[in-house]
Amino acid sequence: MLRIELEREDGGRWIAEIGSLPGVLAYGDTREEARGKVEALALRTLADRIEHGEDVPEVGAFFVVAA
């Protein structure tokens, strides 16, 4: 599971970050927009790491192997 941390800045903009994936953060005008953007970025980051043979957090819960 990847934990998303959300915070509202003084100017009203939202920032979402996934601490276990350094550099994965996104901004949005709403909480939902920031969350959606950071989720999409996290998936792209994980895919890139897998393709390059890099370590990734446990993502087994996302996939099920059909028998």
PDB file of N, CA and C in Angstrom:
ATOM      1  N   MET A   1       0.845  -1.175   0.000  1.00  0.00           N
ATOM      2  CA  MET A   1       0.000   0.000   0.000  1.00  0.00           C
ATOM      3  C   MET A   1       0.896   1.245   0.000  1.00  0.00           C
ATOM      4  N   LEU A   2       0.517   2.204  -0.785  1.00  0.00           N
ATOM      5  CA  LEU A   2       1.247   3.460  -0.852  1.00  0.00           C
ATOM      6  C   LEU A   2       0.425   4.542  -0.168  1.00  0.00           C
ATOM      7  N   ARG A   3       1.003   5.158   0.838  1.00  0.00           N
ATOM      8  CA  ARG A   3       0.299   6.163   1.620  1.00  0.00           C
ATOM      9  C   ARG A   3       0.450   7.544   0.975  1.00  0.00           C
ATOM     10  N   ILE A   4      -0.674   8.201   0.752  1.00  0.00           N
ATOM     11  CA  ILE A   4      -0.684   9.550   0.181  1.00  0.00           C
ATOM     12  C   ILE A   4      -0.876  10.549   1.309  1.00  0.00           C
ATOM     13  N   GLU A   5       0.010  11.520   1.370  1.00  0.00           N
ATOM     14  CA  GLU A   5      -0.117  12.601   2.350  1.00  0.00           C
ATOM     15  C   GLU A   5      -0.585  13.848   1.611  1.00  0.00           C
ATOM     16  N   LEU A   6      -1.648  14.450   2.110  1.00  0.00           N
ATOM     17  CA  LEU A   6      -2.223  15.643   1.488  1.00  0.00           C
ATOM     18  C   LEU A   6      -2.117  16.821   2.443  1.00  0.00           C
ATOM     19  N   GLU A   7      -1.812  17.969   1.870  1.00  0.00           N
ATOM     20  CA  GLU A   7      -1.696  19.183   2.680  1.00  0.00           C
ATOM     21  C   GLU A   7      -2.150  20.375   1.846  1.00  0.00           C
ATOM     22  N   ARG A   8      -2.826  21.283   2.489  1.00  0.00           N
ATOM     23  CA  ARG A   8      -3.256  22.500   1.800  1.00  0.00           C
ATOM     24  C   ARG A   8      -2.282  23.622   2.129  1.00  0.00           C
ATOM     25  N   GLU A   9      -1.777  24.268   1.099  1.00  0.00           N
ATOM     26  CA  GLU A   9      -0.836  25.365   1.292  1.00  0.00           C
ATOM     27  C   GLU A   9      -1.585  26.650   1.627  1.00  0.00           C
ATOM     28  N   ASP A  10      -0.854  27.642   2.105  1.00  0.00           N
ATOM     29  CA  ASP A  10      -1.459  28.922   2.495  1.00  0.00           C
ATOM     30  C   ASP A  10      -2.233  29.575   1.359  1.00  0.00           C
ATOM     31  N   GLY A  11      -1.776  29.409   0.137  1.00  0.00           N
ATOM     32  CA  GLY A  11      -2.442  30.011  -1.010  1.00  0.00           C
ATOM     33  C   GLY A  11      -3.684  29.259  -1.468  1.00  0.00           C
ATOM     34  N   GLY A  12      -3.983  28.122  -0.831  1.00  0.00           N
ATOM     35  CA  GLY A  12      -5.162  27.353  -1.169  1.00  0.00           C
ATOM     36  C   GLY A  12      -4.901  26.151  -2.052  1.00  0.00           C
ATOM     37  N   ARG A  13      -3.718  26.076  -2.625  1.00  0.00           N
ATOM     38  CA  ARG A  13      -3.365  24.957  -3.495  1.00  0.00           C
ATOM     39  C   ARG A  13      -3.099  23.713  -2.638  1.00  0.00           C
ATOM     40  N   TRP A  14      -3.441  22.534  -3.165  1.00  0.00           N
ATOM     41  CA  TRP A  14      -3.211  21.273  -2.478  1.00  0.00           C
ATOM     42  C   TRP A  14      -1.951  20.610  -3.005  1.00  0.00           C
ATOM     43  N   ILE A  15      -1.220  19.950  -2.109  1.00  0.00           N
ATOM     44  CA  ILE A  15      -0.057  19.165  -2.495  1.00  0.00           C
ATOM     45  C   ILE A  15      -0.257  17.753  -1.984  1.00  0.00           C
ATOM     46  N   ALA A  16       0.027  16.783  -2.837  1.00  0.00           N
ATOM     47  CA  ALA A  16      -0.064  15.375  -2.475  1.00  0.00           C
ATOM     48  C   ALA A  16       1.308  14.754  -2.680  1.00  0.00           C
ATOM     49  N   GLU A  17       1.707  13.892  -1.746  1.00  0.00           N
ATOM     50  CA  GLU A  17       3.032  13.294  -1.813  1.00  0.00           C
ATOM     51  C   GLU A  17       2.968  11.855  -1.334  1.00  0.00           C
ATOM     52  N   ILE A  18       3.794  11.008  -1.937  1.00  0.00           N
ATOM     53  CA  ILE A  18       3.943   9.626  -1.492  1.00  0.00           C
ATOM     54  C   ILE A  18       5.365   9.492  -0.975  1.00  0.00           C
ATOM     55  N   GLY A  19       5.507   9.471   0.336  1.00  0.00           N
ATOM     56  CA  GLY A  19       6.816   9.484   0.975  1.00  0.00           C
ATOM     57  C   GLY A  19       7.695   8.297   0.632  1.00  0.00           C
ATOM     58  N   SER A  20       7.094   7.133   0.380  1.00  0.00           N
ATOM     59  CA  SER A  20       7.892   5.946   0.077  1.00  0.00           C
ATOM     60  C   SER A  20       8.412   5.936  -1.362  1.00  0.00           C
ATOM     61  N   LEU A  21       7.990   6.910  -2.161  1.00  0.00           N
ATOM     62  CA  LEU A  21       8.496   7.078  -3.529  1.00  0.00           C
ATOM     63  C   LEU A  21       9.072   8.492  -3.648  1.00  0.00           C
ATOM     64  N   PRO A  22      10.332   8.670  -3.297  1.00  0.00           N
ATOM     65  CA  PRO A  22      10.934  10.005  -3.331  1.00  0.00           C
ATOM     66  C   PRO A  22      10.704  10.722  -4.658  1.00  0.00           C
ATOM     67  N   GLY A  23      10.291  11.971  -4.570  1.00  0.00           N
ATOM     68  CA  GLY A  23      10.073  12.786  -5.751  1.00  0.00           C
ATOM     69  C   GLY A  23       8.666  12.686  -6.321  1.00  0.00           C
ATOM     70  N   VAL A  24       7.851  11.790  -5.779  1.00  0.00           N
ATOM     71  CA  VAL A  24       6.490  11.639  -6.283  1.00  0.00           C
ATOM     72  C   VAL A  24       5.582  12.572  -5.496  1.00  0.00           C
ATOM     73  N   LEU A  25       5.358  13.750  -6.083  1.00  0.00           N
ATOM     74  CA  LEU A  25       4.452  14.723  -5.492  1.00  0.00           C
ATOM     75  C   LEU A  25       3.772  15.497  -6.593  1.00  0.00           C
ATOM     76  N   ALA A  26       2.592  15.993  -6.280  1.00  0.00           N
ATOM     77  CA  ALA A  26       1.815  16.696  -7.302  1.00  0.00           C
ATOM     78  C   ALA A  26       0.959  17.757  -6.635  1.00  0.00           C
ATOM     79  N   TYR A  27       0.639  18.779  -7.400  1.00  0.00           N
ATOM     80  CA  TYR A  27      -0.194  19.874  -6.929  1.00  0.00           C
ATOM     81  C   TYR A  27      -1.540  19.847  -7.635  1.00  0.00           C
ATOM     82  N   GLY A  28      -2.547  20.414  -6.970  1.00  0.00           N
ATOM     83  CA  GLY A  28      -3.860  20.533  -7.582  1.00  0.00           C
ATOM     84  C   GLY A  28      -4.646  21.658  -6.947  1.00  0.00           C
ATOM     85  N   ASP A  29      -5.631  22.151  -7.681  1.00  0.00           N
ATOM     86  CA  ASP A  29      -6.499  23.200  -7.135  1.00  0.00           C
ATOM     87  C   ASP A  29      -7.437  22.645  -6.082  1.00  0.00           C
ATOM     88  N   THR A  30      -7.713  21.336  -6.168  1.00  0.00           N
ATOM     89  CA  THR A  30      -8.566  20.680  -5.175  1.00  0.00           C
ATOM     90  C   THR A  30      -7.823  19.478  -4.609  1.00  0.00           C
ATOM     91  N   ARG A  31      -8.313  18.988  -3.485  1.00  0.00           N
ATOM     92  CA  ARG A  31      -7.738  17.797  -2.858  1.00  0.00           C
ATOM     93  C   ARG A  31      -7.807  16.612  -3.830  1.00  0.00           C
ATOM     94  N   GLU A  32      -8.942  16.459  -4.492  1.00  0.00           N
ATOM     95  CA  GLU A  32      -9.146  15.344  -5.402  1.00  0.00           C
ATOM     96  C   GLU A  32      -8.221  15.414  -6.612  1.00  0.00           C
ATOM     97  N   GLU A  33      -8.014  16.625  -7.130  1.00  0.00           N
ATOM     98  CA  GLU A  33      -7.121  16.791  -8.274  1.00  0.00           C
ATOM     99  C   GLU A  33      -5.687  16.420  -7.897  1.00  0.00           C
ATOM    100  N   ALA A  34      -5.218  16.887  -6.749  1.00  0.00           N
ATOM    101  CA  ALA A  34      -3.860  16.567  -6.293  1.00  0.00           C
ATOM    102  C   ALA A  34      -3.711  15.067  -6.085  1.00  0.00           C
ATOM    103  N   ARG A  35      -4.719  14.445  -5.493  1.00  0.00           N
ATOM    104  CA  ARG A  35      -4.663  12.997  -5.257  1.00  0.00           C
ATOM    105  C   ARG A  35      -4.612  12.241  -6.582  1.00  0.00           C
ATOM    106  N   GLY A  36      -5.446  12.592  -7.520  1.00  0.00           N
ATOM    107  CA  GLY A  36      -5.452  11.913  -8.816  1.00  0.00           C
ATOM    108  C   GLY A  36      -4.130  12.044  -9.543  1.00  0.00           C
ATOM    109  N   LYS A  37      -3.556  13.229  -9.489  1.00  0.00           N
ATOM    110  CA  LYS A  37      -2.279  13.456 -10.166  1.00  0.00           C
ATOM    111  C   LYS A  37      -1.155  12.658  -9.531  1.00  0.00           C
ATOM    112  N   VAL A  38      -1.130  12.590  -8.185  1.00  0.00           N
ATOM    113  CA  VAL A  38      -0.043  11.866  -7.522  1.00  0.00           C
ATOM    114  C   VAL A  38      -0.204  10.358  -7.715  1.00  0.00           C
ATOM    115  N   GLU A  39      -1.438   9.869  -7.782  1.00  0.00           N
ATOM    116  CA  GLU A  39      -1.650   8.448  -8.051  1.00  0.00           C
ATOM    117  C   GLU A  39      -1.146   8.089  -9.450  1.00  0.00           C
ATOM    118  N   ALA A  40      -1.461   8.904 -10.436  1.00  0.00           N
ATOM    119  CA  ALA A  40      -1.000   8.658 -11.802  1.00  0.00           C
ATOM    120  C   ALA A  40       0.527   8.703 -11.881  1.00  0.00           C
ATOM    121  N   LEU A  41       1.131   9.676 -11.211  1.00  0.00           N
ATOM    122  CA  LEU A  41       2.590   9.790 -11.220  1.00  0.00           C
ATOM    123  C   LEU A  41       3.231   8.585 -10.531  1.00  0.00           C
ATOM    124  N   ALA A  42       2.638   8.121  -9.442  1.00  0.00           N
ATOM    125  CA  ALA A  42       3.168   6.955  -8.733  1.00  0.00           C
ATOM    126  C   ALA A  42       3.152   5.724  -9.637  1.00  0.00           C
ATOM    127  N   LEU A  43       2.068   5.520 -10.361  1.00  0.00           N
ATOM    128  CA  LEU A  43       1.985   4.367 -11.262  1.00  0.00           C
ATOM    129  C   LEU A  43       3.024   4.452 -12.372  1.00  0.00           C
ATOM    130  N   ARG A  44       3.219   5.642 -12.925  1.00  0.00           N
ATOM    131  CA  ARG A  44       4.247   5.808 -13.971  1.00  0.00           C
ATOM    132  C   ARG A  44       5.642   5.553 -13.393  1.00  0.00           C
ATOM    133  N   THR A  45       5.884   6.036 -12.185  1.00  0.00           N
ATOM    134  CA  THR A  45       7.184   5.850 -11.537  1.00  0.00           C
ATOM    135  C   THR A  45       7.446   4.375 -11.262  1.00  0.00           C
ATOM    136  N   LEU A  46       6.441   3.673 -10.743  1.00  0.00           N
ATOM    137  CA  LEU A  46       6.600   2.241 -10.474  1.00  0.00           C
ATOM    138  C   LEU A  46       6.856   1.466 -11.760  1.00  0.00           C
ATOM    139  N   ALA A  47       6.118   1.780 -12.816  1.00  0.00           N
ATOM    140  CA  ALA A  47       6.309   1.091 -14.094  1.00  0.00           C
ATOM    141  C   ALA A  47       7.720   1.317 -14.619  1.00  0.00           C
ATOM    142  N   ASP A  48       8.209   2.530 -14.517  1.00  0.00           N
ATOM    143  CA  ASP A  48       9.560   2.847 -14.989  1.00  0.00           C
ATOM    144  C   ASP A  48      10.600   2.070 -14.188  1.00  0.00           C
ATOM    145  N   ARG A  49      10.424   2.011 -12.886  1.00  0.00           N
ATOM    146  CA  ARG A  49      11.380   1.273 -12.052  1.00  0.00           C
ATOM    147  C   ARG A  49      11.368  -0.209 -12.372  1.00  0.00           C
ATOM    148  N   ILE A  50      10.180  -0.786 -12.567  1.00  0.00           N
ATOM    149  CA  ILE A  50      10.077  -2.206 -12.905  1.00  0.00           C
ATOM    150  C   ILE A  50      10.766  -2.472 -14.235  1.00  0.00           C
ATOM    151  N   GLU A  51      10.523  -1.636 -15.231  1.00  0.00           N
ATOM    152  CA  GLU A  51      11.139  -1.815 -16.547  1.00  0.00           C
ATOM    153  C   GLU A  51      12.657  -1.756 -16.494  1.00  0.00           C
ATOM    154  N   HIS A  52      13.199  -0.980 -15.551  1.00  0.00           N
ATOM    155  CA  HIS A  52      14.644  -0.823 -15.446  1.00  0.00           C
ATOM    156  C   HIS A  52      15.269  -1.724 -14.378  1.00  0.00           C
ATOM    157  N   GLY A  53      14.471  -2.643 -13.829  1.00  0.00           N
ATOM    158  CA  GLY A  53      14.995  -3.597 -12.858  1.00  0.00           C
ATOM    159  C   GLY A  53      15.325  -3.003 -11.505  1.00  0.00           C
ATOM    160  N   GLU A  54      14.750  -1.864 -11.193  1.00  0.00           N
ATOM    161  CA  GLU A  54      15.002  -1.215  -9.908  1.00  0.00           C
ATOM    162  C   GLU A  54      14.038  -1.745  -8.848  1.00  0.00           C
ATOM    163  N   ASP A  55      14.404  -1.553  -7.599  1.00  0.00           N
ATOM    164  CA  ASP A  55      13.552  -1.968  -6.498  1.00  0.00           C
ATOM    165  C   ASP A  55      12.292  -1.115  -6.453  1.00  0.00           C
ATOM    166  N   VAL A  56      11.181  -1.761  -6.113  1.00  0.00           N
ATOM    167  CA  VAL A  56       9.909  -1.067  -5.934  1.00  0.00           C
ATOM    168  C   VAL A  56       9.272  -1.564  -4.645  1.00  0.00           C
ATOM    169  N   PRO A  57       8.428  -0.729  -4.029  1.00  0.00           N
ATOM    170  CA  PRO A  57       7.695  -1.212  -2.859  1.00  0.00           C
ATOM    171  C   PRO A  57       6.812  -2.389  -3.264  1.00  0.00           C
ATOM    172  N   GLU A  58       6.427  -3.205  -2.332  1.00  0.00           N
ATOM    173  CA  GLU A  58       5.562  -4.359  -2.610  1.00  0.00           C
ATOM    174  C   GLU A  58       4.286  -3.899  -3.298  1.00  0.00           C
ATOM    175  N   VAL A  59       4.033  -4.416  -4.486  1.00  0.00           N
ATOM    176  CA  VAL A  59       2.836  -4.056  -5.233  1.00  0.00           C
ATOM    177  C   VAL A  59       2.002  -5.281  -5.577  1.00  0.00           C
ATOM    178  N   GLY A  60       2.260  -6.380  -4.886  1.00  0.00           N
ATOM    179  CA  GLY A  60       1.559  -7.624  -5.170  1.00  0.00           C
ATOM    180  C   GLY A  60       0.050  -7.509  -5.051  1.00  0.00           C
ATOM    181  N   ALA A  61      -0.447  -6.612  -4.213  1.00  0.00           N
ATOM    182  CA  ALA A  61      -1.890  -6.477  -4.033  1.00  0.00           C
ATOM    183  C   ALA A  61      -2.573  -5.927  -5.282  1.00  0.00           C
ATOM    184  N   PHE A  62      -1.809  -5.356  -6.205  1.00  0.00           N
ATOM    185  CA  PHE A  62      -2.380  -4.798  -7.424  1.00  0.00           C
ATOM    186  C   PHE A  62      -2.655  -5.875  -8.484  1.00  0.00           C
ATOM    187  N   PHE A  63      -1.973  -7.012  -8.386  1.00  0.00           N
ATOM    188  CA  PHE A  63      -2.036  -8.009  -9.438  1.00  0.00           C
ATOM    189  C   PHE A  63      -2.458  -9.362  -8.899  1.00  0.00           C
ATOM    190  N   VAL A  64      -3.211 -10.085  -9.710  1.00  0.00           N
ATOM    191  CA  VAL A  64      -3.606 -11.453  -9.398  1.00  0.00           C
ATOM    192  C   VAL A  64      -3.279 -12.293 -10.615  1.00  0.00           C
ATOM    193  N   VAL A  65      -2.638 -13.420 -10.396  1.00  0.00           N
ATOM    194  CA  VAL A  65      -2.287 -14.303 -11.494  1.00  0.00           C
ATOM    195  C   VAL A  65      -3.411 -15.306 -11.697  1.00  0.00           C
ATOM    196  N   ALA A  66      -3.957 -15.358 -12.903  1.00  0.00           N
ATOM    197  CA  ALA A  66      -5.027 -16.301 -13.212  1.00  0.00           C
ATOM    198  C   ALA A  66      -4.459 -17.700 -13.290  1.00  0.00           C
ATOM    199  N   ALA A  67      -5.204 -18.649 -12.778  1.00  0.00           N
ATOM    200  CA  ALA A  67      -4.738 -20.052 -12.765  1.00  0.00           C
ATOM    201  C   ALA A  67      -4.833 -20.686 -14.129  1.00  0.00           C
TER     202      ALA A  67
END
